């Protein structure tokens, strides 16, 4: 006799289990945006931007860590829409 499987009472849990890395990245980007204020003001206007943002000028200056740190910082608040939609 085949065993019946009842539908999961919480289908969103199945979605979360399938995409943990994506959700983690989105949450990290949002947390960084909240902590450093990038969600409501242009992060590129802050002093920290030149330290963590990636790009050729920073790599030439020896800031080798910027390809990793720059991933979590968004330069303009409106860019969050496209960044998160990309995930």
PDB file of N, CA and C in Angstrom:
ATOM      1  N   UNK A   1       0.838  -1.168   0.000  1.00  0.00           N
ATOM      2  CA  UNK A   1       0.000   0.000   0.000  1.00  0.00           C
ATOM      3  C   UNK A   1       0.890   1.241   0.000  1.00  0.00           C
ATOM      4  N   UNK A   2       0.622   2.150  -0.871  1.00  0.00           N
ATOM      5  CA  UNK A   2       1.414   3.377  -0.972  1.00  0.00           C
ATOM      6  C   UNK A   2       1.081   4.312   0.185  1.00  0.00           C
ATOM      7  N   UNK A   3       2.120   4.894   0.705  1.00  0.00           N
ATOM      8  CA  UNK A   3       1.946   5.831   1.805  1.00  0.00           C
ATOM      9  C   UNK A   3       1.589   7.201   1.260  1.00  0.00           C
ATOM     10  N   UNK A   4       0.582   7.806   1.841  1.00  0.00           N
ATOM     11  CA  UNK A   4       0.168   9.132   1.389  1.00  0.00           C
ATOM     12  C   UNK A   4       1.016  10.203   2.039  1.00  0.00           C
ATOM     13  N   UNK A   5       1.375  11.205   1.256  1.00  0.00           N
ATOM     14  CA  UNK A   5       2.124  12.351   1.769  1.00  0.00           C
ATOM     15  C   UNK A   5       1.192  13.551   1.775  1.00  0.00           C
ATOM     16  N   UNK A   6       1.034  14.107   2.942  1.00  0.00           N
ATOM     17  CA  UNK A   6       0.187  15.296   3.024  1.00  0.00           C
ATOM     18  C   UNK A   6       1.013  16.512   2.641  1.00  0.00           C
ATOM     19  N   UNK A   7       0.381  17.506   2.058  1.00  0.00           N
ATOM     20  CA  UNK A   7       1.118  18.711   1.686  1.00  0.00           C
ATOM     21  C   UNK A   7       1.677  19.388   2.931  1.00  0.00           C
ATOM     22  N   UNK A   8       2.848  19.964   2.768  1.00  0.00           N
ATOM     23  CA  UNK A   8       3.498  20.655   3.877  1.00  0.00           C
ATOM     24  C   UNK A   8       2.652  21.840   4.325  1.00  0.00           C
ATOM     25  N   UNK A   9       2.461  21.976   5.635  1.00  0.00           N
ATOM     26  CA  UNK A   9       1.673  23.104   6.107  1.00  0.00           C
ATOM     27  C   UNK A   9       2.377  24.445   5.902  1.00  0.00           C
ATOM     28  N   UNK A  10       3.669  24.400   5.709  1.00  0.00           N
ATOM     29  CA  UNK A  10       4.442  25.633   5.503  1.00  0.00           C
ATOM     30  C   UNK A  10       5.289  25.495   4.234  1.00  0.00           C
ATOM     31  N   UNK A  11       4.724  25.828   3.088  1.00  0.00           N
ATOM     32  CA  UNK A  11       5.482  25.671   1.837  1.00  0.00           C
ATOM     33  C   UNK A  11       6.684  26.595   1.740  1.00  0.00           C
ATOM     34  N   UNK A  12       6.677  27.708   2.449  1.00  0.00           N
ATOM     35  CA  UNK A  12       7.813  28.629   2.392  1.00  0.00           C
ATOM     36  C   UNK A  12       9.059  28.001   3.000  1.00  0.00           C
ATOM     37  N   UNK A  13       8.914  27.032   3.905  1.00  0.00           N
ATOM     38  CA  UNK A  13      10.079  26.351   4.481  1.00  0.00           C
ATOM     39  C   UNK A  13      10.808  25.563   3.399  1.00  0.00           C
ATOM     40  N   UNK A  14      10.063  24.930   2.511  1.00  0.00           N
ATOM     41  CA  UNK A  14      10.682  24.182   1.409  1.00  0.00           C
ATOM     42  C   UNK A  14      11.473  25.123   0.504  1.00  0.00           C
ATOM     43  N   UNK A  15      10.946  26.303   0.267  1.00  0.00           N
ATOM     44  CA  UNK A  15      11.655  27.281  -0.561  1.00  0.00           C
ATOM     45  C   UNK A  15      12.936  27.728   0.115  1.00  0.00           C
ATOM     46  N   UNK A  16      12.867  28.007   1.407  1.00  0.00           N
ATOM     47  CA  UNK A  16      14.047  28.448   2.164  1.00  0.00           C
ATOM     48  C   UNK A  16      15.120  27.365   2.161  1.00  0.00           C
ATOM     49  N   UNK A  17      14.725  26.123   2.266  1.00  0.00           N
ATOM     50  CA  UNK A  17      15.700  25.019   2.263  1.00  0.00           C
ATOM     51  C   UNK A  17      16.368  24.851   0.911  1.00  0.00           C
ATOM     52  N   UNK A  18      15.687  25.206  -0.158  1.00  0.00           N
ATOM     53  CA  UNK A  18      16.256  25.050  -1.498  1.00  0.00           C
ATOM     54  C   UNK A  18      17.223  26.164  -1.856  1.00  0.00           C
ATOM     55  N   UNK A  19      17.068  27.339  -1.267  1.00  0.00           N
ATOM     56  CA  UNK A  19      17.892  28.483  -1.673  1.00  0.00           C
ATOM     57  C   UNK A  19      18.552  29.183  -0.482  1.00  0.00           C
ATOM     58  N   UNK A  20      19.238  28.451   0.398  1.00  0.00           N
ATOM     59  CA  UNK A  20      19.832  29.097   1.569  1.00  0.00           C
ATOM     60  C   UNK A  20      20.963  30.074   1.222  1.00  0.00           C
ATOM     61  N   UNK A  21      21.770  29.769   0.231  1.00  0.00           N
ATOM     62  CA  UNK A  21      22.871  30.664  -0.120  1.00  0.00           C
ATOM     63  C   UNK A  21      22.349  31.986  -0.682  1.00  0.00           C
ATOM     64  N   UNK A  22      21.334  31.909  -1.508  1.00  0.00           N
ATOM     65  CA  UNK A  22      20.747  33.116  -2.084  1.00  0.00           C
ATOM     66  C   UNK A  22      20.147  33.997  -0.993  1.00  0.00           C
ATOM     67  N   UNK A  23      19.378  33.389  -0.113  1.00  0.00           N
ATOM     68  CA  UNK A  23      18.777  34.159   0.979  1.00  0.00           C
ATOM     69  C   UNK A  23      19.833  34.745   1.899  1.00  0.00           C
ATOM     70  N   UNK A  24      20.893  33.987   2.155  1.00  0.00           N
ATOM     71  CA  UNK A  24      21.977  34.490   2.995  1.00  0.00           C
ATOM     72  C   UNK A  24      22.620  35.721   2.371  1.00  0.00           C
ATOM     73  N   UNK A  25      22.896  35.668   1.077  1.00  0.00           N
ATOM     74  CA  UNK A  25      23.506  36.823   0.404  1.00  0.00           C
ATOM     75  C   UNK A  25      22.582  38.036   0.421  1.00  0.00           C
ATOM     76  N   UNK A  26      21.317  37.833   0.138  1.00  0.00           N
ATOM     77  CA  UNK A  26      20.363  38.949   0.154  1.00  0.00           C
ATOM     78  C   UNK A  26      20.286  39.551   1.549  1.00  0.00           C
ATOM     79  N   UNK A  27      20.208  38.699   2.565  1.00  0.00           N
ATOM     80  CA  UNK A  27      20.155  39.205   3.942  1.00  0.00           C
ATOM     81  C   UNK A  27      21.426  39.946   4.324  1.00  0.00           C
ATOM     82  N   UNK A  28      22.589  39.430   3.931  1.00  0.00           N
ATOM     83  CA  UNK A  28      23.843  40.120   4.239  1.00  0.00           C
ATOM     84  C   UNK A  28      23.904  41.495   3.571  1.00  0.00           C
ATOM     85  N   UNK A  29      23.475  41.568   2.327  1.00  0.00           N
ATOM     86  CA  UNK A  29      23.478  42.852   1.621  1.00  0.00           C
ATOM     87  C   UNK A  29      22.530  43.841   2.297  1.00  0.00           C
ATOM     88  N   UNK A  30      21.372  43.364   2.709  1.00  0.00           N
ATOM     89  CA  UNK A  30      20.417  44.242   3.396  1.00  0.00           C
ATOM     90  C   UNK A  30      20.930  44.672   4.771  1.00  0.00           C
ATOM     91  N   UNK A  31      21.542  43.754   5.506  1.00  0.00           N
ATOM     92  CA  UNK A  31      22.095  44.105   6.826  1.00  0.00           C
ATOM     93  C   UNK A  31      23.202  45.141   6.681  1.00  0.00           C
ATOM     94  N   UNK A  32      24.090  44.942   5.726  1.00  0.00           N
ATOM     95  CA  UNK A  32      25.155  45.929   5.488  1.00  0.00           C
ATOM     96  C   UNK A  32      24.545  47.268   5.089  1.00  0.00           C
ATOM     97  N   UNK A  33      23.506  47.236   4.273  1.00  0.00           N
ATOM     98  CA  UNK A  33      22.827  48.467   3.865  1.00  0.00           C
ATOM     99  C   UNK A  33      22.191  49.197   5.034  1.00  0.00           C
ATOM    100  N   UNK A  34      21.668  48.436   5.984  1.00  0.00           N
ATOM    101  CA  UNK A  34      21.070  49.052   7.171  1.00  0.00           C
ATOM    102  C   UNK A  34      22.143  49.607   8.096  1.00  0.00           C
ATOM    103  N   UNK A  35      23.169  48.820   8.373  1.00  0.00           N
ATOM    104  CA  UNK A  35      24.215  49.245   9.315  1.00  0.00           C
ATOM    105  C   UNK A  35      24.957  50.474   8.812  1.00  0.00           C
ATOM    106  N   UNK A  36      25.344  50.487   7.549  1.00  0.00           N
ATOM    107  CA  UNK A  36      26.123  51.608   7.010  1.00  0.00           C
ATOM    108  C   UNK A  36      25.271  52.652   6.297  1.00  0.00           C
ATOM    109  N   UNK A  37      23.965  52.508   6.323  1.00  0.00           N
ATOM    110  CA  UNK A  37      23.072  53.531   5.801  1.00  0.00           C
ATOM    111  C   UNK A  37      22.917  53.581   4.299  1.00  0.00           C
ATOM    112  N   UNK A  38      23.403  52.580   3.599  1.00  0.00           N
ATOM    113  CA  UNK A  38      23.315  52.577   2.146  1.00  0.00           C
ATOM    114  C   UNK A  38      21.906  52.415   1.599  1.00  0.00           C
ATOM    115  N   UNK A  39      20.984  51.968   2.439  1.00  0.00           N
ATOM    116  CA  UNK A  39      19.609  51.811   1.980  1.00  0.00           C
ATOM    117  C   UNK A  39      18.899  53.147   1.805  1.00  0.00           C
ATOM    118  N   UNK A  40      19.353  54.185   2.473  1.00  0.00           N
ATOM    119  CA  UNK A  40      18.656  55.475   2.389  1.00  0.00           C
ATOM    120  C   UNK A  40      19.540  56.641   1.976  1.00  0.00           C
ATOM    121  N   UNK A  41      20.831  56.433   1.841  1.00  0.00           N
ATOM    122  CA  UNK A  41      21.700  57.509   1.340  1.00  0.00           C
ATOM    123  C   UNK A  41      22.813  56.891   0.495  1.00  0.00           C
ATOM    124  N   UNK A  42      23.338  57.623  -0.469  1.00  0.00           N
ATOM    125  CA  UNK A  42      24.370  57.069  -1.360  1.00  0.00           C
ATOM    126  C   UNK A  42      25.628  56.664  -0.589  1.00  0.00           C
ATOM    127  N   UNK A  43      25.942  55.394  -0.629  1.00  0.00           N
ATOM    128  CA  UNK A  43      27.130  54.899   0.062  1.00  0.00           C
ATOM    129  C   UNK A  43      28.405  55.415  -0.590  1.00  0.00           C
ATOM    130  N   UNK A  44      28.345  55.707  -1.875  1.00  0.00           N
ATOM    131  CA  UNK A  44      29.538  56.177  -2.572  1.00  0.00           C
ATOM    132  C   UNK A  44      29.998  57.553  -2.089  1.00  0.00           C
ATOM    133  N   UNK A  45      29.165  58.252  -1.317  1.00  0.00           N
ATOM    134  CA  UNK A  45      29.548  59.550  -0.770  1.00  0.00           C
ATOM    135  C   UNK A  45      30.226  59.450   0.594  1.00  0.00           C
ATOM    136  N   UNK A  46      30.389  58.234   1.124  1.00  0.00           N
ATOM    137  CA  UNK A  46      31.006  58.059   2.439  1.00  0.00           C
ATOM    138  C   UNK A  46      32.500  57.788   2.312  1.00  0.00           C
ATOM    139  N   UNK A  47      33.210  57.992   3.419  1.00  0.00           N
ATOM    140  CA  UNK A  47      34.659  57.731   3.431  1.00  0.00           C
ATOM    141  C   UNK A  47      34.952  56.239   3.328  1.00  0.00           C
ATOM    142  N   UNK A  48      34.077  55.416   3.854  1.00  0.00           N
ATOM    143  CA  UNK A  48      34.287  53.966   3.825  1.00  0.00           C
ATOM    144  C   UNK A  48      34.230  53.396   2.404  1.00  0.00           C
ATOM    145  N   UNK A  49      33.527  54.063   1.523  1.00  0.00           N
ATOM    146  CA  UNK A  49      33.378  53.579   0.148  1.00  0.00           C
ATOM    147  C   UNK A  49      34.734  53.347  -0.507  1.00  0.00           C
ATOM    148  N   UNK A  50      35.660  54.241  -0.308  1.00  0.00           N
ATOM    149  CA  UNK A  50      36.974  54.120  -0.949  1.00  0.00           C
ATOM    150  C   UNK A  50      37.795  52.973  -0.385  1.00  0.00           C
ATOM    151  N   UNK A  51      37.418  52.478   0.791  1.00  0.00           N
ATOM    152  CA  UNK A  51      38.137  51.376   1.410  1.00  0.00           C
ATOM    153  C   UNK A  51      37.576  50.020   1.015  1.00  0.00           C
ATOM    154  N   UNK A  52      36.260  49.928   0.832  1.00  0.00           N
ATOM    155  CA  UNK A  52      35.642  48.623   0.593  1.00  0.00           C
ATOM    156  C   UNK A  52      35.145  48.410  -0.835  1.00  0.00           C
ATOM    157  N   UNK A  53      34.961  49.462  -1.603  1.00  0.00           N
ATOM    158  CA  UNK A  53      34.414  49.315  -2.954  1.00  0.00           C
ATOM    159  C   UNK A  53      35.461  48.722  -3.893  1.00  0.00           C
ATOM    160  N   UNK A  54      34.996  47.842  -4.769  1.00  0.00           N
ATOM    161  CA  UNK A  54      35.931  47.226  -5.693  1.00  0.00           C
ATOM    162  C   UNK A  54      36.061  48.039  -6.968  1.00  0.00           C
ATOM    163  N   UNK A  55      37.109  47.756  -7.676  1.00  0.00           N
ATOM    164  CA  UNK A  55      37.383  48.446  -8.937  1.00  0.00           C
ATOM    165  C   UNK A  55      38.874  48.486  -9.175  1.00  0.00           C
ATOM    166  N   UNK A  56      39.253  48.798 -10.368  1.00  0.00           N
ATOM    167  CA  UNK A  56      40.656  48.826 -10.737  1.00  0.00           C
ATOM    168  C   UNK A  56      41.472  49.813  -9.910  1.00  0.00           C
ATOM    169  N   UNK A  57      40.976  51.026  -9.636  1.00  0.00           N
ATOM    170  CA  UNK A  57      41.788  51.948  -8.826  1.00  0.00           C
ATOM    171  C   UNK A  57      42.136  51.379  -7.445  1.00  0.00           C
ATOM    172  N   UNK A  58      41.193  50.726  -6.804  1.00  0.00           N
ATOM    173  CA  UNK A  58      41.486  50.152  -5.494  1.00  0.00           C
ATOM    174  C   UNK A  58      42.455  48.979  -5.591  1.00  0.00           C
ATOM    175  N   UNK A  59      42.331  48.174  -6.613  1.00  0.00           N
ATOM    176  CA  UNK A  59      43.271  47.063  -6.780  1.00  0.00           C
ATOM    177  C   UNK A  59      44.677  47.571  -7.069  1.00  0.00           C
ATOM    178  N   UNK A  60      44.792  48.610  -7.875  1.00  0.00           N
ATOM    179  CA  UNK A  60      46.090  49.212  -8.164  1.00  0.00           C
ATOM    180  C   UNK A  60      46.707  49.786  -6.884  1.00  0.00           C
ATOM    181  N   UNK A  61      45.856  50.306  -5.994  1.00  0.00           N
ATOM    182  CA  UNK A  61      46.327  50.844  -4.716  1.00  0.00           C
ATOM    183  C   UNK A  61      46.670  49.757  -3.707  1.00  0.00           C
ATOM    184  N   UNK A  62      46.522  48.492  -4.078  1.00  0.00           N
ATOM    185  CA  UNK A  62      46.874  47.382  -3.198  1.00  0.00           C
ATOM    186  C   UNK A  62      45.757  46.918  -2.287  1.00  0.00           C
ATOM    187  N   UNK A  63      44.551  47.359  -2.530  1.00  0.00           N
ATOM    188  CA  UNK A  63      43.405  46.936  -1.711  1.00  0.00           C
ATOM    189  C   UNK A  63      42.831  45.649  -2.295  1.00  0.00           C
ATOM    190  N   UNK A  64      43.527  44.548  -2.041  1.00  0.00           N
ATOM    191  CA  UNK A  64      43.198  43.253  -2.612  1.00  0.00           C
ATOM    192  C   UNK A  64      41.872  42.682  -2.098  1.00  0.00           C
ATOM    193  N   UNK A  65      41.404  43.129  -0.954  1.00  0.00           N
ATOM    194  CA  UNK A  65      40.187  42.599  -0.331  1.00  0.00           C
ATOM    195  C   UNK A  65      38.901  43.163  -0.944  1.00  0.00           C
ATOM    196  N   UNK A  66      39.015  44.205  -1.735  1.00  0.00           N
ATOM    197  CA  UNK A  66      37.818  44.889  -2.222  1.00  0.00           C
ATOM    198  C   UNK A  66      36.894  44.045  -3.111  1.00  0.00           C
ATOM    199  N   UNK A  67      37.369  43.057  -3.885  1.00  0.00           N
ATOM    200  CA  UNK A  67      36.402  42.242  -4.620  1.00  0.00           C
ATOM    201  C   UNK A  67      35.456  41.463  -3.697  1.00  0.00           C
ATOM    202  N   UNK A  68      35.909  41.153  -2.488  1.00  0.00           N
ATOM    203  CA  UNK A  68      35.054  40.451  -1.527  1.00  0.00           C
ATOM    204  C   UNK A  68      34.165  41.445  -0.780  1.00  0.00           C
ATOM    205  N   UNK A  69      34.754  42.486  -0.222  1.00  0.00           N
ATOM    206  CA  UNK A  69      33.963  43.438   0.572  1.00  0.00           C
ATOM    207  C   UNK A  69      32.998  44.240  -0.291  1.00  0.00           C
ATOM    208  N   UNK A  70      33.397  44.572  -1.485  1.00  0.00           N
ATOM    209  CA  UNK A  70      32.548  45.363  -2.367  1.00  0.00           C
ATOM    210  C   UNK A  70      31.270  44.654  -2.772  1.00  0.00           C
ATOM    211  N   UNK A  71      31.264  43.350  -2.654  1.00  0.00           N
ATOM    212  CA  UNK A  71      30.078  42.568  -2.991  1.00  0.00           C
ATOM    213  C   UNK A  71      28.884  42.942  -2.118  1.00  0.00           C
ATOM    214  N   UNK A  72      29.132  43.349  -0.893  1.00  0.00           N
ATOM    215  CA  UNK A  72      28.065  43.587   0.073  1.00  0.00           C
ATOM    216  C   UNK A  72      27.620  45.050   0.153  1.00  0.00           C
ATOM    217  N   UNK A  73      28.302  45.928  -0.549  1.00  0.00           N
ATOM    218  CA  UNK A  73      27.974  47.349  -0.505  1.00  0.00           C
ATOM    219  C   UNK A  73      27.417  47.797  -1.848  1.00  0.00           C
ATOM    220  N   UNK A  74      26.337  48.563  -1.804  1.00  0.00           N
ATOM    221  CA  UNK A  74      25.696  49.075  -3.012  1.00  0.00           C
ATOM    222  C   UNK A  74      25.867  50.588  -3.009  1.00  0.00           C
ATOM    223  N   UNK A  75      26.279  51.150  -4.140  1.00  0.00           N
ATOM    224  CA  UNK A  75      26.638  52.570  -4.170  1.00  0.00           C
ATOM    225  C   UNK A  75      25.462  53.530  -4.053  1.00  0.00           C
ATOM    226  N   UNK A  76      24.312  53.204  -4.593  1.00  0.00           N
ATOM    227  CA  UNK A  76      23.125  54.080  -4.541  1.00  0.00           C
ATOM    228  C   UNK A  76      21.941  53.268  -4.013  1.00  0.00           C
ATOM    229  N   UNK A  77      21.071  53.884  -3.226  1.00  0.00           N
ATOM    230  CA  UNK A  77      19.920  53.134  -2.680  1.00  0.00           C
ATOM    231  C   UNK A  77      19.048  52.460  -3.735  1.00  0.00           C
ATOM    232  N   UNK A  78      18.814  53.099  -4.879  1.00  0.00           N
ATOM    233  CA  UNK A  78      17.956  52.510  -5.904  1.00  0.00           C
ATOM    234  C   UNK A  78      18.568  51.256  -6.532  1.00  0.00           C
ATOM    235  N   UNK A  79      19.877  51.065  -6.392  1.00  0.00           N
ATOM    236  CA  UNK A  79      20.546  49.900  -6.970  1.00  0.00           C
ATOM    237  C   UNK A  79      20.197  48.618  -6.196  1.00  0.00           C
ATOM    238  N   UNK A  80      19.731  48.758  -4.948  1.00  0.00           N
ATOM    239  CA  UNK A  80      19.319  47.583  -4.180  1.00  0.00           C
ATOM    240  C   UNK A  80      18.226  46.800  -4.905  1.00  0.00           C
ATOM    241  N   UNK A  81      17.337  47.483  -5.577  1.00  0.00           N
ATOM    242  CA  UNK A  81      16.250  46.817  -6.303  1.00  0.00           C
ATOM    243  C   UNK A  81      16.824  45.854  -7.331  1.00  0.00           C
ATOM    244  N   UNK A  82      17.780  46.302  -8.110  1.00  0.00           N
ATOM    245  CA  UNK A  82      18.361  45.469  -9.157  1.00  0.00           C
ATOM    246  C   UNK A  82      19.290  44.412  -8.583  1.00  0.00           C
ATOM    247  N   UNK A  83      20.007  44.752  -7.523  1.00  0.00           N
ATOM    248  CA  UNK A  83      20.921  43.798  -6.897  1.00  0.00           C
ATOM    249  C   UNK A  83      20.152  42.613  -6.325  1.00  0.00           C
ATOM    250  N   UNK A  84      19.105  42.897  -5.580  1.00  0.00           N
ATOM    251  CA  UNK A  84      18.323  41.822  -4.973  1.00  0.00           C
ATOM    252  C   UNK A  84      17.530  41.056  -6.025  1.00  0.00           C
ATOM    253  N   UNK A  85      17.021  41.753  -7.016  1.00  0.00           N
ATOM    254  CA  UNK A  85      16.293  41.072  -8.098  1.00  0.00           C
ATOM    255  C   UNK A  85      17.224  40.133  -8.872  1.00  0.00           C
ATOM    256  N   UNK A  86      18.500  40.481  -8.929  1.00  0.00           N
ATOM    257  CA  UNK A  86      19.475  39.635  -9.617  1.00  0.00           C
ATOM    258  C   UNK A  86      19.684  38.290  -8.953  1.00  0.00           C
ATOM    259  N   UNK A  87      19.427  38.225  -7.670  1.00  0.00           N
ATOM    260  CA  UNK A  87      19.569  36.956  -6.960  1.00  0.00           C
ATOM    261  C   UNK A  87      18.376  36.068  -7.231  1.00  0.00           C
TER     262      UNK A  87
END
